């Protein structure tokens, strides 16, 4: 035991001696501390920019709601329709049924609710086929600021065309001369203008010449037309630079124009002049006794089979059939509307019923009655469309005009006739060709579109 203690003691003493005699470790070098960089003086503080105060926007005023348009009439409110027509002059045979149809059309409107509840009144002025009387009647009407006006004659339409535009009174006219209808203004033709009708007839004639050319006559290789027509704005309008050029392009010759006065009891001189010029077709812009006289005189001269005879839409009426009788057989014409014989047509049915209810005479069962009744209903549609747009308070002739040019095709009396206008067009363009067969107007074609032969 003592030996073990002695050994440990010797070992510890040896370690201590060795530690003391070992060389001291080299001191770790301390790197010199770099001298501090001089501190830069602080930059002066920039004063913050002053923010300009933004003006506070004024609050928008609250929109005041517009009052609703009044589209129903006030109690007792009325609307007056006006028309100018010849009931005592040479055209009375066709115009009297027009006036009767207009009167009965207004009665029908009132019976079926008027115009949005407003009772419809009527004022008429007789022109006696005199332009100065038409102007006097118009002057009376214009002071009452008509919304729309109906007229019947080409002469008065041409005379008043500029005045109507100046006064902003739209007119529906049955006097559809090209000069009265164009350039576009406030005049709206209710059937194709006479030049367009003649062009449509030429289109049909060229396509069907081999089937319809006269049994006898001269130069039957192609159509050669003489115009035997009234010496009036209505009668003369069919022959213009535009129709001459169109006929030439179609290979049709216009060999002459023979004029006569309305009511003339004899036109044999004009017929013989047409024959001498080489005509095999006679076309007329007349009505009632006009086409009847031509037909009867070709029979009396023994030349009826040498001519195909035709006319504009106003030639096709019961008055012509009654005056010409059997001479009317085979007569052709341009027909832009439905007819009394279209018994299944809904609009014709209504007009037939009103004709009977008003105890009209058989002689008034004419094209004029049928169309004038329809024109009244067209006026109602145009005025009601205007009321929908501007209200009763905004009703003016100018407002109705804007409606007419924006409407496009409008079917009057469910399509008895169709009106079709825009900012450039002042007449419809659709019609059919008919022929008199056994005292009836028989449709030979479907609806055709007339060429555009308005004045340039």
Protein backbone atom coordinates (compact mmCIF):
# COMPACT_ATOMS: atom_id res chain seq x y z
CA UNK A 1 0.00 0.00 0.00
CA UNK A 2 2.80 2.42 0.99
CA UNK A 3 4.56 1.51 -2.22
CA UNK A 4 1.56 2.43 -4.34
CA UNK A 5 1.20 5.81 -2.68
CA UNK A 6 4.90 6.44 -3.09
CA UNK A 7 4.76 5.59 -6.79
CA UNK A 8 1.86 7.96 -7.50
CA UNK A 9 3.58 10.73 -5.65
CA UNK A 10 6.78 10.31 -7.71
CA UNK A 11 4.78 10.41 -10.95
CA UNK A 12 2.98 13.61 -10.03
CA UNK A 13 6.25 15.29 -9.08
CA UNK A 14 7.82 14.27 -12.40
CA UNK A 15 4.95 15.81 -14.34
CA UNK A 16 5.25 19.05 -12.46
CA UNK A 17 9.03 19.26 -13.10
CA UNK A 18 8.55 18.65 -16.85
CA UNK A 19 5.85 21.26 -17.09
CA UNK A 20 7.95 23.86 -15.47
CA UNK A 21 10.96 23.23 -17.69
CA UNK A 22 8.88 23.39 -21.07
CA UNK A 23 9.30 26.63 -23.15
CA UNK A 24 6.49 29.15 -22.89
CA UNK A 25 4.13 29.25 -25.96
CA UNK A 26 4.53 32.21 -28.36
CA UNK A 27 1.92 34.88 -27.72
CA UNK A 28 -0.86 35.16 -30.47
CA UNK A 29 -0.25 38.42 -32.40
CA UNK A 30 -3.06 40.94 -32.02
CA UNK A 31 -3.81 42.86 -35.32
CA UNK A 32 -3.62 46.64 -34.95
CA UNK A 33 -7.03 48.34 -34.78
CA UNK A 34 -7.54 50.61 -37.87
CA UNK A 35 -7.99 54.27 -37.16
CA UNK A 36 -11.69 55.25 -37.45
CA UNK A 37 -12.76 57.15 -40.59
CA UNK A 38 -13.77 60.71 -40.03
CA UNK A 39 -17.53 61.03 -39.81
CA UNK A 40 -19.12 63.15 -42.62
CA UNK A 41 -21.15 66.02 -41.33
CA UNK A 42 -24.91 65.33 -41.73
CA UNK A 43 -26.68 66.76 -44.81
CA UNK A 44 -29.23 69.41 -44.07
CA UNK A 45 -32.74 67.97 -43.97
CA UNK A 46 -34.91 69.08 -46.97
CA UNK A 47 -38.18 70.51 -45.88
CA UNK A 48 -41.08 68.35 -47.16
CA UNK A 49 -42.94 69.76 -50.21
CA UNK A 50 -46.15 71.44 -49.32
CA UNK A 51 -49.08 69.42 -50.74
CA UNK A 52 -51.58 71.72 -52.47
CA UNK A 53 -55.03 71.01 -51.17
CA UNK A 54 -57.22 69.41 -53.90
CA UNK A 55 -60.54 71.14 -54.42
CA UNK A 56 -63.45 68.97 -53.41
CA UNK A 57 -65.60 68.14 -56.47
CA UNK A 58 -69.02 69.59 -56.24
CA UNK A 59 -71.62 66.82 -55.95
CA UNK A 60 -73.40 66.03 -59.22
CA UNK A 61 -76.99 67.14 -59.24
CA UNK A 62 -79.39 64.27 -58.99
CA UNK A 63 -80.99 63.66 -62.44
CA UNK A 64 -84.62 64.59 -62.38
CA UNK A 65 -86.53 61.68 -63.93
CA UNK A 66 -88.28 62.57 -67.18
CA UNK A 67 -92.02 62.26 -67.12
CA UNK A 68 -93.32 59.22 -68.96
CA UNK A 69 -94.56 59.82 -72.51
CA UNK A 70 -98.31 60.12 -72.72
CA UNK A 71 -99.39 57.57 -75.29
CA UNK A 72 -103.13 57.59 -74.57
CA UNK A 73 -105.47 60.42 -75.42
CA UNK A 74 -106.94 62.65 -72.77
CA UNK A 75 -110.73 62.58 -72.46
CA UNK A 76 -112.28 64.44 -75.39
CA UNK A 77 -108.99 64.74 -77.31
CA UNK A 78 -109.26 64.77 -81.12
CA UNK A 79 -106.98 64.36 -84.13
CA UNK A 80 -108.03 65.75 -87.51
CA UNK A 81 -107.14 64.16 -90.85
CA UNK A 82 -107.26 66.35 -93.96
CA UNK A 83 -107.61 65.62 -97.66
CA UNK A 84 -107.80 67.53 -100.94
CA UNK A 85 -109.75 65.96 -103.79
CA UNK A 86 -111.65 66.55 -106.99
CA UNK A 87 -115.36 65.77 -106.51
CA UNK A 88 -116.81 68.20 -109.05
CA UNK A 89 -114.24 68.31 -111.86
CA UNK A 90 -113.38 65.99 -114.78
CA UNK A 91 -111.74 63.42 -112.49
CA UNK A 92 -114.71 63.14 -110.15
CA UNK A 93 -115.55 59.65 -111.43
CA UNK A 94 -112.45 58.31 -109.72
CA UNK A 95 -112.10 60.85 -106.90
CA UNK A 96 -115.63 60.61 -105.47
CA UNK A 97 -115.10 56.97 -104.43
CA UNK A 98 -111.74 58.04 -102.94
CA UNK A 99 -113.50 60.61 -100.78
CA UNK A 100 -116.17 58.11 -99.76
CA UNK A 101 -113.51 55.56 -98.83
CA UNK A 102 -111.67 58.17 -96.78
CA UNK A 103 -114.86 59.12 -94.93
CA UNK A 104 -115.72 55.52 -94.15
CA UNK A 105 -112.14 54.78 -93.14
CA UNK A 106 -112.37 57.53 -90.50
CA UNK A 107 -115.69 56.13 -89.25
CA UNK A 108 -114.06 52.73 -88.93
CA UNK A 109 -111.17 54.20 -86.92
CA UNK A 110 -113.57 55.84 -84.46
CA UNK A 111 -115.59 52.64 -84.19
CA UNK A 112 -112.44 50.69 -83.32
CA UNK A 113 -110.89 53.08 -80.77
CA UNK A 114 -109.75 56.07 -82.78
CA UNK A 115 -106.06 56.89 -82.65
CA UNK A 116 -104.94 55.78 -79.18
CA UNK A 117 -108.31 56.84 -77.85
CA UNK A 118 -108.47 60.20 -79.64
CA UNK A 119 -111.54 60.68 -81.79
CA UNK A 120 -110.67 61.25 -85.44
CA UNK A 121 -112.19 64.24 -87.20
CA UNK A 122 -112.15 64.90 -90.93
CA UNK A 123 -111.83 67.94 -93.17
CA UNK A 124 -112.00 67.85 -96.96
CA UNK A 125 -111.53 70.51 -99.64
CA UNK A 126 -112.77 70.14 -103.22
CA UNK A 127 -110.17 71.13 -105.83
CA UNK A 128 -112.41 70.68 -108.92
CA UNK A 129 -109.16 69.62 -110.65
CA UNK A 130 -107.90 73.20 -110.48
CA UNK A 131 -104.47 73.88 -109.04
CA UNK A 132 -105.40 77.33 -107.74
CA UNK A 133 -108.31 75.85 -105.78
CA UNK A 134 -106.00 73.18 -104.39
CA UNK A 135 -103.63 75.90 -103.18
CA UNK A 136 -106.49 77.79 -101.51
CA UNK A 137 -107.62 74.62 -99.74
CA UNK A 138 -104.09 73.88 -98.64
CA UNK A 139 -103.66 77.40 -97.25
CA UNK A 140 -106.73 76.86 -95.06
CA UNK A 141 -105.43 73.54 -93.85
CA UNK A 142 -101.84 74.59 -93.12
CA UNK A 143 -102.95 77.10 -90.49
CA UNK A 144 -104.27 74.16 -88.49
CA UNK A 145 -100.89 72.39 -88.64
CA UNK A 146 -101.94 69.00 -90.06
CA UNK A 147 -99.99 65.96 -88.94
CA UNK A 148 -100.41 64.34 -92.35
CA UNK A 149 -102.42 65.21 -95.46
CA UNK A 150 -103.99 63.12 -98.25
CA UNK A 151 -104.02 64.36 -101.85
CA UNK A 152 -105.19 62.80 -105.10
CA UNK A 153 -103.93 64.72 -108.15
CA UNK A 154 -100.50 65.01 -109.79
CA UNK A 155 -100.96 68.66 -110.73
CA UNK A 156 -101.73 69.84 -107.20
CA UNK A 157 -99.02 67.61 -105.75
CA UNK A 158 -96.40 69.14 -108.04
CA UNK A 159 -97.67 72.67 -107.29
CA UNK A 160 -97.53 72.18 -103.50
CA UNK A 161 -94.41 70.02 -103.21
CA UNK A 162 -92.08 72.84 -102.11
CA UNK A 163 -94.67 74.33 -99.76
CA UNK A 164 -95.22 71.01 -98.02
CA UNK A 165 -91.51 70.69 -97.29
CA UNK A 166 -91.30 74.28 -96.10
CA UNK A 167 -94.29 73.81 -93.78
CA UNK A 168 -93.11 70.32 -92.71
CA UNK A 169 -96.43 68.67 -93.55
CA UNK A 170 -96.10 65.12 -94.94
CA UNK A 171 -98.57 64.13 -97.64
CA UNK A 172 -99.68 60.75 -98.95
CA UNK A 173 -100.64 61.32 -102.56
CA UNK A 174 -102.41 59.29 -105.21
CA UNK A 175 -101.08 61.72 -107.84
CA UNK A 176 -97.79 59.88 -108.22
CA UNK A 177 -95.99 61.80 -110.93
CA UNK A 178 -92.22 61.51 -110.82
CA UNK A 179 -91.83 65.29 -110.62
CA UNK A 180 -94.18 65.51 -107.66
CA UNK A 181 -92.41 62.73 -105.78
CA UNK A 182 -88.74 63.56 -106.45
CA UNK A 183 -86.28 64.90 -105.39
CA UNK A 184 -87.23 63.44 -101.98
CA UNK A 185 -89.21 65.79 -99.78
CA UNK A 186 -92.44 65.61 -97.78
CA UNK A 187 -94.44 63.98 -100.62
CA UNK A 188 -95.00 60.20 -100.40
CA UNK A 189 -96.54 58.39 -103.37
CA UNK A 190 -99.01 55.67 -102.38
CA UNK A 191 -98.37 53.49 -105.46
CA UNK A 192 -95.29 53.17 -107.70
CA UNK A 193 -94.62 56.40 -109.59
CA UNK A 194 -95.83 56.38 -113.21
CA UNK A 195 -92.36 56.10 -114.73
CA UNK A 196 -91.59 53.05 -112.58
CA UNK A 197 -94.94 51.48 -113.50
CA UNK A 198 -94.15 51.93 -117.18
CA UNK A 199 -90.75 50.32 -116.65
CA UNK A 200 -92.35 47.34 -114.91
CA UNK A 201 -94.78 46.97 -117.81
CA UNK A 202 -91.85 47.01 -120.28
CA UNK A 203 -90.08 44.29 -118.25
CA UNK A 204 -93.15 42.07 -118.44
CA UNK A 205 -93.81 42.88 -122.11
CA UNK A 206 -90.31 41.94 -123.26
CA UNK A 207 -90.39 38.62 -121.39
CA UNK A 208 -93.83 37.67 -122.70
CA UNK A 209 -93.96 39.29 -126.14
CA UNK A 210 -94.21 36.07 -128.14
CA UNK A 211 -97.27 35.02 -126.08
CA UNK A 212 -99.10 38.34 -125.86
CA UNK A 213 -98.32 40.19 -129.10
CA UNK A 214 -101.35 41.21 -131.18
CA UNK A 215 -102.94 38.72 -133.52
CA UNK A 216 -102.53 41.19 -136.38
CA UNK A 217 -100.66 44.42 -136.87
CA UNK A 218 -97.25 45.57 -137.97
CA UNK A 219 -93.66 44.93 -136.99
CA UNK A 220 -94.57 42.11 -134.63
CA UNK A 221 -90.95 41.00 -134.22
CA UNK A 222 -90.63 43.38 -131.22
CA UNK A 223 -92.78 45.79 -129.16
CA UNK A 224 -93.28 49.29 -130.57
CA UNK A 225 -95.15 51.53 -128.16
CA UNK A 226 -97.21 54.64 -128.76
CA UNK A 227 -98.33 56.61 -125.72
CA UNK A 228 -101.92 57.75 -126.15
CA UNK A 229 -102.50 59.74 -123.02
CA UNK A 230 -103.96 62.82 -121.36
CA UNK A 231 -102.45 66.24 -121.86
CA UNK A 232 -101.95 66.77 -118.13
CA UNK A 233 -99.25 66.36 -115.48
CA UNK A 234 -100.63 62.88 -114.83
CA UNK A 235 -100.84 61.89 -118.49
CA UNK A 236 -97.51 63.27 -119.67
CA UNK A 237 -95.45 61.93 -116.78
CA UNK A 238 -95.07 58.47 -118.28
CA UNK A 239 -92.70 59.68 -121.02
CA UNK A 240 -89.41 61.00 -119.61
CA UNK A 241 -85.73 60.81 -120.49
CA UNK A 242 -85.45 57.92 -118.01
CA UNK A 243 -88.27 55.84 -119.56
CA UNK A 244 -87.03 56.49 -123.09
CA UNK A 245 -83.53 55.30 -122.17
CA UNK A 246 -84.89 52.26 -120.31
CA UNK A 247 -87.08 51.19 -123.24
CA UNK A 248 -84.12 51.47 -125.59
CA UNK A 249 -81.96 49.31 -123.31
CA UNK A 250 -84.73 46.69 -123.32
CA UNK A 251 -85.02 46.68 -127.11
CA UNK A 252 -88.41 48.41 -127.09
CA UNK A 253 -89.13 51.34 -129.40
CA UNK A 254 -91.28 54.27 -128.31
CA UNK A 255 -92.60 55.50 -131.62
CA UNK A 256 -94.75 58.43 -130.51
CA UNK A 257 -96.84 60.26 -127.95
CA UNK A 258 -100.38 61.34 -128.81
CA UNK A 259 -102.13 63.64 -126.32
CA UNK A 260 -105.83 64.34 -125.75
CA UNK A 261 -107.83 66.28 -123.19
CA UNK A 262 -109.65 64.60 -120.29
CA UNK A 263 -113.23 63.96 -121.33
CA UNK A 264 -112.52 64.00 -125.06
CA UNK A 265 -115.37 62.15 -126.86
CA UNK A 266 -113.16 60.92 -129.69
CA UNK A 267 -109.54 59.80 -129.92
CA UNK A 268 -109.56 58.21 -133.37
CA UNK A 269 -107.07 60.80 -134.65
CA UNK A 270 -104.58 59.82 -131.96
CA UNK A 271 -105.07 56.10 -132.61
CA UNK A 272 -104.54 56.49 -136.35
CA UNK A 273 -101.40 58.55 -135.69
CA UNK A 274 -100.09 55.74 -133.48
CA UNK A 275 -100.78 53.21 -136.24
CA UNK A 276 -99.03 55.38 -138.82
CA UNK A 277 -95.96 55.63 -136.52
CA UNK A 278 -95.70 51.83 -136.58
CA UNK A 279 -97.04 51.09 -133.08
CA UNK A 280 -98.30 47.66 -132.10
CA UNK A 281 -98.74 48.62 -128.41
CA UNK A 282 -100.74 51.49 -126.93
CA UNK A 283 -100.01 52.52 -123.33
CA UNK A 284 -102.10 55.14 -121.53
CA UNK A 285 -101.85 57.22 -118.37
CA UNK A 286 -105.54 58.04 -118.06
CA UNK A 287 -108.46 56.78 -116.00
CA UNK A 288 -112.18 55.97 -116.28
CA UNK A 289 -113.39 57.46 -119.59
CA UNK A 290 -109.77 57.86 -120.85
CA UNK A 291 -108.88 54.19 -121.35
CA UNK A 292 -112.51 53.41 -122.17
CA UNK A 293 -112.47 55.91 -125.05
CA UNK A 294 -109.26 54.45 -126.46
CA UNK A 295 -110.65 50.91 -126.29
CA UNK A 296 -113.99 51.80 -127.85
CA UNK A 297 -112.39 53.83 -130.65
CA UNK A 298 -109.98 51.04 -131.62
CA UNK A 299 -113.05 48.83 -131.97
CA UNK A 300 -114.91 51.42 -134.04
CA UNK A 301 -111.87 51.81 -136.32
CA UNK A 302 -111.57 48.04 -136.73
CA UNK A 303 -108.01 47.98 -135.36
CA UNK A 304 -108.55 46.49 -131.89
CA UNK A 305 -106.70 43.29 -132.82
CA UNK A 306 -103.71 45.28 -134.10
CA UNK A 307 -102.78 46.64 -130.68
CA UNK A 308 -101.93 45.34 -127.27
CA UNK A 309 -103.50 48.05 -125.07
CA UNK A 310 -102.41 48.67 -121.48
CA UNK A 311 -102.24 51.36 -118.83
CA UNK A 312 -101.16 52.46 -115.37
CA UNK A 313 -102.87 51.33 -112.17
CA UNK A 314 -105.65 53.98 -112.28
CA UNK A 315 -106.93 52.62 -115.60
CA UNK A 316 -107.94 49.41 -113.81
CA UNK A 317 -111.26 50.27 -112.27
CA UNK A 318 -114.95 49.42 -112.49
CA UNK A 319 -115.58 52.81 -114.09
CA UNK A 320 -113.41 51.80 -117.06
CA UNK A 321 -115.09 48.41 -117.30
CA UNK A 322 -118.54 50.01 -117.20
CA UNK A 323 -117.71 52.58 -119.87
CA UNK A 324 -115.73 50.34 -122.24
CA UNK A 325 -117.90 47.23 -121.79
CA UNK A 326 -116.88 44.40 -124.15
CA UNK A 327 -114.10 46.57 -125.67
CA UNK A 328 -112.22 46.24 -122.38
CA UNK A 329 -111.66 42.52 -122.92
CA UNK A 330 -107.95 41.77 -123.07
CA UNK A 331 -106.83 45.11 -121.60
CA UNK A 332 -103.62 44.92 -119.51
CA UNK A 333 -102.40 47.02 -116.61
CA UNK A 334 -100.12 47.46 -113.61
CA UNK A 335 -101.82 46.51 -110.34
CA UNK A 336 -100.12 47.44 -107.01
CA UNK A 337 -102.90 46.41 -104.60
CA UNK A 338 -105.46 43.73 -103.81
CA UNK A 339 -108.93 43.92 -105.34
CA UNK A 340 -112.54 43.53 -104.27
CA UNK A 341 -112.60 40.01 -105.73
CA UNK A 342 -109.94 38.88 -103.23
CA UNK A 343 -112.75 37.92 -100.88
CA UNK A 344 -110.55 35.85 -98.56
CA UNK A 345 -108.14 38.69 -97.85
CA UNK A 346 -108.74 39.90 -94.24
CA UNK A 347 -108.39 43.59 -95.09
CA UNK A 348 -110.69 43.33 -98.10
CA UNK A 349 -113.27 41.58 -95.89
CA UNK A 350 -113.30 44.52 -93.46
CA UNK A 351 -113.65 47.06 -96.25
CA UNK A 352 -116.43 45.03 -97.88
CA UNK A 353 -118.32 44.98 -94.56
CA UNK A 354 -117.90 48.74 -93.99
CA UNK A 355 -118.95 49.49 -97.57
CA UNK A 356 -122.21 47.63 -96.94
CA UNK A 357 -122.69 49.12 -93.45
CA UNK A 358 -122.45 52.64 -94.88
CA UNK A 359 -124.98 51.88 -97.67
CA UNK A 360 -122.58 52.83 -100.44
CA UNK A 361 -123.77 52.68 -104.03
CA UNK A 362 -122.44 49.94 -106.37
CA UNK A 363 -120.70 52.59 -108.49
CA UNK A 364 -118.49 53.45 -105.50
CA UNK A 365 -117.14 49.92 -105.30
CA UNK A 366 -114.06 51.23 -107.01
CA UNK A 367 -110.31 51.19 -106.66
CA UNK A 368 -110.47 54.65 -105.10
CA UNK A 369 -112.71 53.53 -102.22
CA UNK A 370 -110.59 50.47 -101.52
CA UNK A 371 -107.32 52.41 -101.43
CA UNK A 372 -108.51 55.55 -99.61
CA UNK A 373 -109.93 53.39 -96.81
CA UNK A 374 -106.51 51.76 -96.58
CA UNK A 375 -104.67 55.10 -96.58
CA UNK A 376 -106.64 56.23 -93.51
CA UNK A 377 -105.54 53.11 -91.66
CA UNK A 378 -101.94 53.75 -92.76
CA UNK A 379 -102.17 57.26 -91.32
CA UNK A 380 -103.32 55.78 -88.03
CA UNK A 381 -100.29 53.47 -87.96
CA UNK A 382 -97.86 56.30 -88.73
CA UNK A 383 -99.38 58.59 -86.09
CA UNK A 384 -99.44 55.87 -83.42
CA UNK A 385 -95.81 54.97 -84.13
CA UNK A 386 -95.00 58.66 -83.69
CA UNK A 387 -96.91 58.81 -80.38
CA UNK A 388 -94.87 55.86 -79.14
CA UNK A 389 -91.71 57.81 -79.92
CA UNK A 390 -92.56 61.39 -78.85
CA UNK A 391 -95.86 61.16 -76.99
CA UNK A 392 -99.04 63.10 -77.70
CA UNK A 393 -97.31 66.35 -76.71
CA UNK A 394 -94.63 65.82 -79.38
CA UNK A 395 -97.01 65.23 -82.27
CA UNK A 396 -96.11 67.43 -85.25
CA UNK A 397 -95.95 67.02 -89.00
CA UNK A 398 -92.15 66.89 -88.79
CA UNK A 399 -92.33 64.10 -86.19
CA UNK A 400 -94.73 62.07 -88.37
CA UNK A 401 -92.41 62.62 -91.35
CA UNK A 402 -89.52 61.15 -89.36
CA UNK A 403 -91.66 58.11 -88.57
CA UNK A 404 -92.65 57.62 -92.22
CA UNK A 405 -89.07 57.60 -93.50
CA UNK A 406 -87.94 55.27 -90.69
CA UNK A 407 -90.74 52.69 -90.89
CA UNK A 408 -89.89 50.87 -94.12
CA UNK A 409 -92.67 48.65 -95.43
CA UNK A 410 -96.05 49.24 -93.83
CA UNK A 411 -99.03 47.04 -94.69
CA UNK A 412 -102.19 49.12 -94.78
CA UNK A 413 -105.40 47.26 -93.92
CA UNK A 414 -103.42 44.05 -93.41
CA UNK A 415 -101.86 44.33 -96.85
CA UNK A 416 -104.64 45.59 -99.12
CA UNK A 417 -101.80 47.84 -100.21
CA UNK A 418 -98.24 48.26 -98.94
CA UNK A 419 -96.34 51.52 -98.48
CA UNK A 420 -92.56 51.52 -98.36
CA UNK A 421 -90.35 54.58 -97.84
CA UNK A 422 -86.95 55.59 -96.51
CA UNK A 423 -84.83 58.74 -96.54
CA UNK A 424 -84.30 58.41 -100.31
CA UNK A 425 -87.33 56.44 -101.55
CA UNK A 426 -90.70 58.17 -101.95
CA UNK A 427 -92.80 55.40 -103.52
CA UNK A 428 -93.37 51.66 -103.18
CA UNK A 429 -92.10 49.47 -106.01
CA UNK A 430 -94.18 46.26 -106.03
CA UNK A 431 -97.02 45.48 -108.46
CA UNK A 432 -98.51 42.72 -110.57
CA UNK A 433 -99.69 42.64 -114.17
CA UNK A 434 -103.39 41.93 -114.66
CA UNK A 435 -105.62 41.44 -117.67
CA UNK A 436 -109.34 41.94 -118.14
CA UNK A 437 -110.90 38.53 -118.76
CA UNK A 438 -114.69 38.22 -118.91
CA UNK A 439 -115.10 41.50 -117.08
CA UNK A 440 -112.73 40.59 -114.23
CA UNK A 441 -109.19 41.65 -113.36
CA UNK A 442 -107.12 38.46 -113.51
CA UNK A 443 -103.59 38.35 -112.08
CA UNK A 444 -101.09 37.20 -114.71
CA UNK A 445 -97.95 37.46 -112.58
CA UNK A 446 -96.73 37.27 -109.03
CA UNK A 447 -95.49 40.47 -107.40
CA UNK A 448 -92.78 42.16 -109.46
CA UNK A 449 -90.35 44.92 -108.51
CA UNK A 450 -90.43 47.99 -110.71
CA UNK A 451 -87.16 49.48 -112.01
CA UNK A 452 -86.04 52.77 -110.51
CA UNK A 453 -86.83 55.38 -113.16
CA UNK A 454 -87.17 58.48 -110.99
CA UNK A 455 -85.79 61.75 -112.42
CA UNK A 456 -82.03 62.10 -112.25
